[in-house]
Amino acid sequence: MDNLDALSAAGFTLPSPAYLLGAILFGIVGFAAYRYGKKTGNSHTKWIGVALMFYPYAVSPTWLLYLIGCGLCAALYVFRA
């Protein structure tokens, strides 16, 4: 437990279960969108899928993760083939 306290003092924290669930969920949706966009030749769907897979690495607040993820999923709906 001392290592966890030392990491917390250095500014590192573990993500919440809600964050982990959201990151996995949007990553799976992004992978499916990427595969579908690549198969159909729809570049919008492919690149939105890439964004869905990799944006959780750049976003740390859980509420922002879900906000951006829902926005990108809405973009998938708008740019569907």
PDB file of N, CA and C in Angstrom:
ATOM      1  N   MET A   1       0.820  -1.188   0.000  1.00  0.00           N
ATOM      2  CA  MET A   1       0.000   0.000   0.000  1.00  0.00           C
ATOM      3  C   MET A   1       0.865   1.254   0.000  1.00  0.00           C
ATOM      4  N   ASP A   2       2.105   1.121   0.452  1.00  0.00           N
ATOM      5  CA  ASP A   2       3.008   2.273   0.479  1.00  0.00           C
ATOM      6  C   ASP A   2       3.318   2.745  -0.939  1.00  0.00           C
ATOM      7  N   ASN A   3       3.413   1.805  -1.879  1.00  0.00           N
ATOM      8  CA  ASN A   3       3.687   2.191  -3.266  1.00  0.00           C
ATOM      9  C   ASN A   3       2.540   3.006  -3.846  1.00  0.00           C
ATOM     10  N   LEU A   4       1.301   2.631  -3.526  1.00  0.00           N
ATOM     11  CA  LEU A   4       0.136   3.366  -4.011  1.00  0.00           C
ATOM     12  C   LEU A   4       0.098   4.771  -3.417  1.00  0.00           C
ATOM     13  N   ASP A   5       0.460   4.893  -2.150  1.00  0.00           N
ATOM     14  CA  ASP A   5       0.518   6.209  -1.517  1.00  0.00           C
ATOM     15  C   ASP A   5       1.617   7.067  -2.147  1.00  0.00           C
ATOM     16  N   ALA A   6       2.742   6.450  -2.477  1.00  0.00           N
ATOM     17  CA  ALA A   6       3.838   7.185  -3.107  1.00  0.00           C
ATOM     18  C   ALA A   6       3.436   7.658  -4.501  1.00  0.00           C
ATOM     19  N   LEU A   7       2.734   6.818  -5.229  1.00  0.00           N
ATOM     20  CA  LEU A   7       2.268   7.219  -6.558  1.00  0.00           C
ATOM     21  C   LEU A   7       1.233   8.333  -6.465  1.00  0.00           C
ATOM     22  N   SER A   8       0.357   8.268  -5.488  1.00  0.00           N
ATOM     23  CA  SER A   8      -0.636   9.325  -5.287  1.00  0.00           C
ATOM     24  C   SER A   8       0.040  10.641  -4.943  1.00  0.00           C
ATOM     25  N   ALA A   9       1.071  10.584  -4.139  1.00  0.00           N
ATOM     26  CA  ALA A   9       1.803  11.799  -3.781  1.00  0.00           C
ATOM     27  C   ALA A   9       2.502  12.391  -5.001  1.00  0.00           C
ATOM     28  N   ALA A  10       2.894  11.543  -5.958  1.00  0.00           N
ATOM     29  CA  ALA A  10       3.557  12.017  -7.174  1.00  0.00           C
ATOM     30  C   ALA A  10       2.563  12.507  -8.218  1.00  0.00           C
ATOM     31  N   GLY A  11       1.255  12.329  -7.952  1.00  0.00           N
ATOM     32  CA  GLY A  11       0.251  12.831  -8.887  1.00  0.00           C
ATOM     33  C   GLY A  11      -0.381  11.769  -9.761  1.00  0.00           C
ATOM     34  N   PHE A  12      -0.029  10.517  -9.569  1.00  0.00           N
ATOM     35  CA  PHE A  12      -0.610   9.434 -10.351  1.00  0.00           C
ATOM     36  C   PHE A  12      -1.790   8.836  -9.593  1.00  0.00           C
ATOM     37  N   THR A  13      -2.912   8.673 -10.280  1.00  0.00           N
ATOM     38  CA  THR A  13      -4.084   8.056  -9.658  1.00  0.00           C
ATOM     39  C   THR A  13      -4.617   6.968 -10.576  1.00  0.00           C
ATOM     40  N   LEU A  14      -5.273   6.004  -9.982  1.00  0.00           N
ATOM     41  CA  LEU A  14      -5.885   4.939 -10.764  1.00  0.00           C
ATOM     42  C   LEU A  14      -7.226   5.422 -11.312  1.00  0.00           C
ATOM     43  N   PRO A  15      -7.579   5.022 -12.531  1.00  0.00           N
ATOM     44  CA  PRO A  15      -8.881   5.436 -13.072  1.00  0.00           C
ATOM     45  C   PRO A  15     -10.020   4.714 -12.359  1.00  0.00           C
ATOM     46  N   SER A  16     -11.182   5.353 -12.378  1.00  0.00           N
ATOM     47  CA  SER A  16     -12.353   4.759 -11.732  1.00  0.00           C
ATOM     48  C   SER A  16     -12.898   3.629 -12.601  1.00  0.00           C
ATOM     49  N   PRO A  17     -13.695   2.741 -12.021  1.00  0.00           N
ATOM     50  CA  PRO A  17     -14.303   1.680 -12.823  1.00  0.00           C
ATOM     51  C   PRO A  17     -15.193   2.226 -13.941  1.00  0.00           C
ATOM     52  N   ALA A  18     -15.860   3.350 -13.704  1.00  0.00           N
ATOM     53  CA  ALA A  18     -16.694   3.959 -14.752  1.00  0.00           C
ATOM     54  C   ALA A  18     -15.835   4.412 -15.924  1.00  0.00           C
ATOM     55  N   TYR A  19     -14.662   4.947 -15.636  1.00  0.00           N
ATOM     56  CA  TYR A  19     -13.756   5.375 -16.699  1.00  0.00           C
ATOM     57  C   TYR A  19     -13.263   4.173 -17.506  1.00  0.00           C
ATOM     58  N   LEU A  20     -12.869   3.119 -16.807  1.00  0.00           N
ATOM     59  CA  LEU A  20     -12.381   1.918 -17.487  1.00  0.00           C
ATOM     60  C   LEU A  20     -13.466   1.303 -18.367  1.00  0.00           C
ATOM     61  N   LEU A  21     -14.696   1.241 -17.855  1.00  0.00           N
ATOM     62  CA  LEU A  21     -15.806   0.707 -18.636  1.00  0.00           C
ATOM     63  C   LEU A  21     -16.049   1.548 -19.887  1.00  0.00           C
ATOM     64  N   GLY A  22     -16.035   2.870 -19.741  1.00  0.00           N
ATOM     65  CA  GLY A  22     -16.236   3.752 -20.879  1.00  0.00           C
ATOM     66  C   GLY A  22     -15.123   3.624 -21.905  1.00  0.00           C
ATOM     67  N   ALA A  23     -13.888   3.549 -21.454  1.00  0.00           N
ATOM     68  CA  ALA A  23     -12.764   3.421 -22.372  1.00  0.00           C
ATOM     69  C   ALA A  23     -12.848   2.109 -23.158  1.00  0.00           C
ATOM     70  N   ILE A  24     -13.203   1.031 -22.493  1.00  0.00           N
ATOM     71  CA  ILE A  24     -13.330  -0.262 -23.179  1.00  0.00           C
ATOM     72  C   ILE A  24     -14.510  -0.238 -24.141  1.00  0.00           C
ATOM     73  N   LEU A  25     -15.641   0.300 -23.697  1.00  0.00           N
ATOM     74  CA  LEU A  25     -16.834   0.357 -24.536  1.00  0.00           C
ATOM     75  C   LEU A  25     -16.589   1.171 -25.804  1.00  0.00           C
ATOM     76  N   PHE A  26     -16.060   2.388 -25.653  1.00  0.00           N
ATOM     77  CA  PHE A  26     -15.830   3.223 -26.822  1.00  0.00           C
ATOM     78  C   PHE A  26     -14.699   2.677 -27.691  1.00  0.00           C
ATOM     79  N   GLY A  27     -13.751   1.974 -27.097  1.00  0.00           N
ATOM     80  CA  GLY A  27     -12.702   1.334 -27.887  1.00  0.00           C
ATOM     81  C   GLY A  27     -13.249   0.220 -28.767  1.00  0.00           C
ATOM     82  N   ILE A  28     -14.173  -0.565 -28.230  1.00  0.00           N
ATOM     83  CA  ILE A  28     -14.787  -1.645 -29.015  1.00  0.00           C
ATOM     84  C   ILE A  28     -15.649  -1.072 -30.131  1.00  0.00           C
ATOM     85  N   VAL A  29     -16.430  -0.031 -29.819  1.00  0.00           N
ATOM     86  CA  VAL A  29     -17.252   0.619 -30.849  1.00  0.00           C
ATOM     87  C   VAL A  29     -16.350   1.222 -31.926  1.00  0.00           C
ATOM     88  N   GLY A  30     -15.255   1.834 -31.504  1.00  0.00           N
ATOM     89  CA  GLY A  30     -14.308   2.414 -32.458  1.00  0.00           C
ATOM     90  C   GLY A  30     -13.664   1.370 -33.347  1.00  0.00           C
ATOM     91  N   PHE A  31     -13.309   0.231 -32.789  1.00  0.00           N
ATOM     92  CA  PHE A  31     -12.707  -0.835 -33.589  1.00  0.00           C
ATOM     93  C   PHE A  31     -13.700  -1.366 -34.615  1.00  0.00           C
ATOM     94  N   ALA A  32     -14.952  -1.542 -34.193  1.00  0.00           N
ATOM     95  CA  ALA A  32     -15.980  -2.014 -35.127  1.00  0.00           C
ATOM     96  C   ALA A  32     -16.221  -0.984 -36.231  1.00  0.00           C
ATOM     97  N   ALA A  33     -16.243   0.299 -35.871  1.00  0.00           N
ATOM     98  CA  ALA A  33     -16.443   1.349 -36.874  1.00  0.00           C
ATOM     99  C   ALA A  33     -15.264   1.409 -37.835  1.00  0.00           C
ATOM    100  N   TYR A  34     -14.056   1.260 -37.320  1.00  0.00           N
ATOM    101  CA  TYR A  34     -12.873   1.252 -38.189  1.00  0.00           C
ATOM    102  C   TYR A  34     -12.934   0.104 -39.187  1.00  0.00           C
ATOM    103  N   ARG A  35     -13.245  -1.081 -38.691  1.00  0.00           N
ATOM    104  CA  ARG A  35     -13.323  -2.253 -39.585  1.00  0.00           C
ATOM    105  C   ARG A  35     -14.410  -2.069 -40.637  1.00  0.00           C
ATOM    106  N   TYR A  36     -15.572  -1.557 -40.235  1.00  0.00           N
ATOM    107  CA  TYR A  36     -16.676  -1.345 -41.162  1.00  0.00           C
ATOM    108  C   TYR A  36     -16.309  -0.273 -42.199  1.00  0.00           C
ATOM    109  N   GLY A  37     -15.703   0.814 -41.740  1.00  0.00           N
ATOM    110  CA  GLY A  37     -15.300   1.877 -42.662  1.00  0.00           C
ATOM    111  C   GLY A  37     -14.236   1.418 -43.635  1.00  0.00           C
ATOM    112  N   LYS A  38     -13.330   0.587 -43.179  1.00  0.00           N
ATOM    113  CA  LYS A  38     -12.284   0.067 -44.061  1.00  0.00           C
ATOM    114  C   LYS A  38     -12.876  -0.894 -45.091  1.00  0.00           C
ATOM    115  N   LYS A  39     -13.826  -1.724 -44.662  1.00  0.00           N
ATOM    116  CA  LYS A  39     -14.441  -2.696 -45.563  1.00  0.00           C
ATOM    117  C   LYS A  39     -15.285  -2.013 -46.629  1.00  0.00           C
ATOM    118  N   THR A  40     -16.018  -0.976 -46.252  1.00  0.00           N
ATOM    119  CA  THR A  40     -16.917  -0.306 -47.195  1.00  0.00           C
ATOM    120  C   THR A  40     -16.249   0.839 -47.944  1.00  0.00           C
ATOM    121  N   GLY A  41     -15.064   1.247 -47.521  1.00  0.00           N
ATOM    122  CA  GLY A  41     -14.378   2.351 -48.174  1.00  0.00           C
ATOM    123  C   GLY A  41     -14.877   3.715 -47.729  1.00  0.00           C
ATOM    124  N   ASN A  42     -15.594   3.781 -46.621  1.00  0.00           N
ATOM    125  CA  ASN A  42     -16.111   5.038 -46.084  1.00  0.00           C
ATOM    126  C   ASN A  42     -15.057   5.630 -45.149  1.00  0.00           C
ATOM    127  N   SER A  43     -14.371   6.677 -45.613  1.00  0.00           N
ATOM    128  CA  SER A  43     -13.261   7.222 -44.829  1.00  0.00           C
ATOM    129  C   SER A  43     -13.730   7.944 -43.566  1.00  0.00           C
ATOM    130  N   HIS A  44     -14.919   8.566 -43.594  1.00  0.00           N
ATOM    131  CA  HIS A  44     -15.418   9.229 -42.391  1.00  0.00           C
ATOM    132  C   HIS A  44     -15.591   8.218 -41.252  1.00  0.00           C
ATOM    133  N   THR A  45     -16.218   7.105 -41.566  1.00  0.00           N
ATOM    134  CA  THR A  45     -16.454   6.075 -40.545  1.00  0.00           C
ATOM    135  C   THR A  45     -15.135   5.507 -40.040  1.00  0.00           C
ATOM    136  N   LYS A  46     -14.194   5.298 -40.937  1.00  0.00           N
ATOM    137  CA  LYS A  46     -12.902   4.740 -40.554  1.00  0.00           C
ATOM    138  C   LYS A  46     -12.161   5.670 -39.595  1.00  0.00           C
ATOM    139  N   TRP A  47     -12.110   6.956 -39.899  1.00  0.00           N
ATOM    140  CA  TRP A  47     -11.357   7.890 -39.063  1.00  0.00           C
ATOM    141  C   TRP A  47     -12.074   8.213 -37.757  1.00  0.00           C
ATOM    142  N   ILE A  48     -13.391   8.200 -37.760  1.00  0.00           N
ATOM    143  CA  ILE A  48     -14.118   8.364 -36.495  1.00  0.00           C
ATOM    144  C   ILE A  48     -13.856   7.148 -35.608  1.00  0.00           C
ATOM    145  N   GLY A  49     -13.774   5.968 -36.214  1.00  0.00           N
ATOM    146  CA  GLY A  49     -13.430   4.770 -35.461  1.00  0.00           C
ATOM    147  C   GLY A  49     -12.043   4.860 -34.839  1.00  0.00           C
ATOM    148  N   VAL A  50     -11.087   5.387 -35.580  1.00  0.00           N
ATOM    149  CA  VAL A  50      -9.733   5.571 -35.040  1.00  0.00           C
ATOM    150  C   VAL A  50      -9.772   6.549 -33.866  1.00  0.00           C
ATOM    151  N   ALA A  51     -10.538   7.631 -34.021  1.00  0.00           N
ATOM    152  CA  ALA A  51     -10.653   8.607 -32.935  1.00  0.00           C
ATOM    153  C   ALA A  51     -11.289   7.976 -31.699  1.00  0.00           C
ATOM    154  N   LEU A  52     -12.320   7.158 -31.898  1.00  0.00           N
ATOM    155  CA  LEU A  52     -12.960   6.493 -30.764  1.00  0.00           C
ATOM    156  C   LEU A  52     -12.010   5.535 -30.049  1.00  0.00           C
ATOM    157  N   MET A  53     -11.118   4.905 -30.788  1.00  0.00           N
ATOM    158  CA  MET A  53     -10.195   3.972 -30.155  1.00  0.00           C
ATOM    159  C   MET A  53      -9.121   4.672 -29.341  1.00  0.00           C
ATOM    160  N   PHE A  54      -8.670   5.841 -29.792  1.00  0.00           N
ATOM    161  CA  PHE A  54      -7.483   6.432 -29.178  1.00  0.00           C
ATOM    162  C   PHE A  54      -7.715   7.666 -28.315  1.00  0.00           C
ATOM    163  N   TYR A  55      -8.906   8.281 -28.350  1.00  0.00           N
ATOM    164  CA  TYR A  55      -9.084   9.491 -27.550  1.00  0.00           C
ATOM    165  C   TYR A  55      -9.075   9.244 -26.041  1.00  0.00           C
ATOM    166  N   PRO A  56      -9.424   8.057 -25.519  1.00  0.00           N
ATOM    167  CA  PRO A  56      -9.353   7.889 -24.056  1.00  0.00           C
ATOM    168  C   PRO A  56      -7.941   8.065 -23.489  1.00  0.00           C
ATOM    169  N   TYR A  57      -6.919   7.919 -24.318  1.00  0.00           N
ATOM    170  CA  TYR A  57      -5.553   8.118 -23.837  1.00  0.00           C
ATOM    171  C   TYR A  57      -5.249   9.597 -23.587  1.00  0.00           C
ATOM    172  N   ALA A  58      -6.024  10.497 -24.186  1.00  0.00           N
ATOM    173  CA  ALA A  58      -5.770  11.923 -24.060  1.00  0.00           C
ATOM    174  C   ALA A  58      -6.730  12.622 -23.101  1.00  0.00           C
ATOM    175  N   VAL A  59      -7.775  11.942 -22.659  1.00  0.00           N
ATOM    176  CA  VAL A  59      -8.810  12.550 -21.819  1.00  0.00           C
ATOM    177  C   VAL A  59      -8.788  11.868 -20.454  1.00  0.00           C
ATOM    178  N   SER A  60      -8.727  12.673 -19.374  1.00  0.00           N
ATOM    179  CA  SER A  60      -8.707  12.036 -18.057  1.00  0.00           C
ATOM    180  C   SER A  60     -10.008  12.152 -17.268  1.00  0.00           C
ATOM    181  N   PRO A  61     -10.778  13.244 -17.334  1.00  0.00           N
ATOM    182  CA  PRO A  61     -12.036  13.259 -16.560  1.00  0.00           C
ATOM    183  C   PRO A  61     -13.078  12.297 -17.145  1.00  0.00           C
ATOM    184  N   THR A  62     -13.747  11.581 -16.275  1.00  0.00           N
ATOM    185  CA  THR A  62     -14.726  10.583 -16.719  1.00  0.00           C
ATOM    186  C   THR A  62     -15.879  11.231 -17.469  1.00  0.00           C
ATOM    187  N   TRP A  63     -16.364  12.374 -16.987  1.00  0.00           N
ATOM    188  CA  TRP A  63     -17.501  13.023 -17.650  1.00  0.00           C
ATOM    189  C   TRP A  63     -17.116  13.451 -19.065  1.00  0.00           C
ATOM    190  N   LEU A  64     -15.862  13.885 -19.266  1.00  0.00           N
ATOM    191  CA  LEU A  64     -15.414  14.298 -20.591  1.00  0.00           C
ATOM    192  C   LEU A  64     -15.237  13.090 -21.516  1.00  0.00           C
ATOM    193  N   LEU A  65     -14.820  11.963 -20.955  1.00  0.00           N
ATOM    194  CA  LEU A  65     -14.712  10.736 -21.732  1.00  0.00           C
ATOM    195  C   LEU A  65     -16.062  10.356 -22.332  1.00  0.00           C
ATOM    196  N   TYR A  66     -17.105  10.382 -21.497  1.00  0.00           N
ATOM    197  CA  TYR A  66     -18.438  10.018 -21.985  1.00  0.00           C
ATOM    198  C   TYR A  66     -19.009  11.073 -22.924  1.00  0.00           C
ATOM    199  N   LEU A  67     -18.728  12.344 -22.680  1.00  0.00           N
ATOM    200  CA  LEU A  67     -19.230  13.406 -23.546  1.00  0.00           C
ATOM    201  C   LEU A  67     -18.629  13.305 -24.949  1.00  0.00           C
ATOM    202  N   ILE A  68     -17.323  13.154 -25.033  1.00  0.00           N
ATOM    203  CA  ILE A  68     -16.662  13.028 -26.333  1.00  0.00           C
ATOM    204  C   ILE A  68     -17.064  11.725 -27.005  1.00  0.00           C
ATOM    205  N   GLY A  69     -17.146  10.642 -26.248  1.00  0.00           N
ATOM    206  CA  GLY A  69     -17.535   9.353 -26.820  1.00  0.00           C
ATOM    207  C   GLY A  69     -18.932   9.380 -27.411  1.00  0.00           C
ATOM    208  N   CYS A  70     -19.863   9.985 -26.694  1.00  0.00           N
ATOM    209  CA  CYS A  70     -21.231  10.090 -27.227  1.00  0.00           C
ATOM    210  C   CYS A  70     -21.268  10.989 -28.450  1.00  0.00           C
ATOM    211  N   GLY A  71     -20.470  12.059 -28.446  1.00  0.00           N
ATOM    212  CA  GLY A  71     -20.398  12.934 -29.618  1.00  0.00           C
ATOM    213  C   GLY A  71     -19.841  12.221 -30.834  1.00  0.00           C
ATOM    214  N   LEU A  72     -18.799  11.426 -30.639  1.00  0.00           N
ATOM    215  CA  LEU A  72     -18.228  10.676 -31.760  1.00  0.00           C
ATOM    216  C   LEU A  72     -19.182   9.583 -32.240  1.00  0.00           C
ATOM    217  N   CYS A  73     -19.911   8.965 -31.329  1.00  0.00           N
ATOM    218  CA  CYS A  73     -20.915   7.967 -31.741  1.00  0.00           C
ATOM    219  C   CYS A  73     -22.024   8.634 -32.514  1.00  0.00           C
ATOM    220  N   ALA A  74     -22.414   9.850 -32.126  1.00  0.00           N
ATOM    221  CA  ALA A  74     -23.419  10.596 -32.889  1.00  0.00           C
ATOM    222  C   ALA A  74     -22.888  10.924 -34.279  1.00  0.00           C
ATOM    223  N   ALA A  75     -21.607  11.245 -34.372  1.00  0.00           N
ATOM    224  CA  ALA A  75     -20.994  11.495 -35.676  1.00  0.00           C
ATOM    225  C   ALA A  75     -21.010  10.229 -36.537  1.00  0.00           C
ATOM    226  N   LEU A  76     -20.822   9.078 -35.927  1.00  0.00           N
ATOM    227  CA  LEU A  76     -20.934   7.809 -36.665  1.00  0.00           C
ATOM    228  C   LEU A  76     -22.331   7.645 -37.248  1.00  0.00           C
ATOM    229  N   TYR A  77     -23.334   8.030 -36.469  1.00  0.00           N
ATOM    230  CA  TYR A  77     -24.719   7.920 -36.937  1.00  0.00           C
ATOM    231  C   TYR A  77     -24.969   8.879 -38.095  1.00  0.00           C
ATOM    232  N   VAL A  78     -24.417  10.073 -38.011  1.00  0.00           N
ATOM    233  CA  VAL A  78     -24.640  11.073 -39.067  1.00  0.00           C
ATOM    234  C   VAL A  78     -23.936  10.674 -40.360  1.00  0.00           C
ATOM    235  N   PHE A  79     -22.700  10.154 -40.243  1.00  0.00           N
ATOM    236  CA  PHE A  79     -21.917   9.815 -41.429  1.00  0.00           C
ATOM    237  C   PHE A  79     -22.033   8.347 -41.831  1.00  0.00           C
ATOM    238  N   ARG A  80     -23.095   7.679 -41.429  1.00  0.00           N
ATOM    239  CA  ARG A  80     -23.254   6.266 -41.799  1.00  0.00           C
ATOM    240  C   ARG A  80     -23.459   6.145 -43.307  1.00  0.00           C
ATOM    241  N   ALA A  81     -23.079   5.013 -43.813  1.00  0.00           N
ATOM    242  CA  ALA A  81     -23.160   4.807 -45.275  1.00  0.00           C
ATOM    243  C   ALA A  81     -24.528   4.304 -45.702  1.00  0.00           C
TER     244      ALA A  81
END
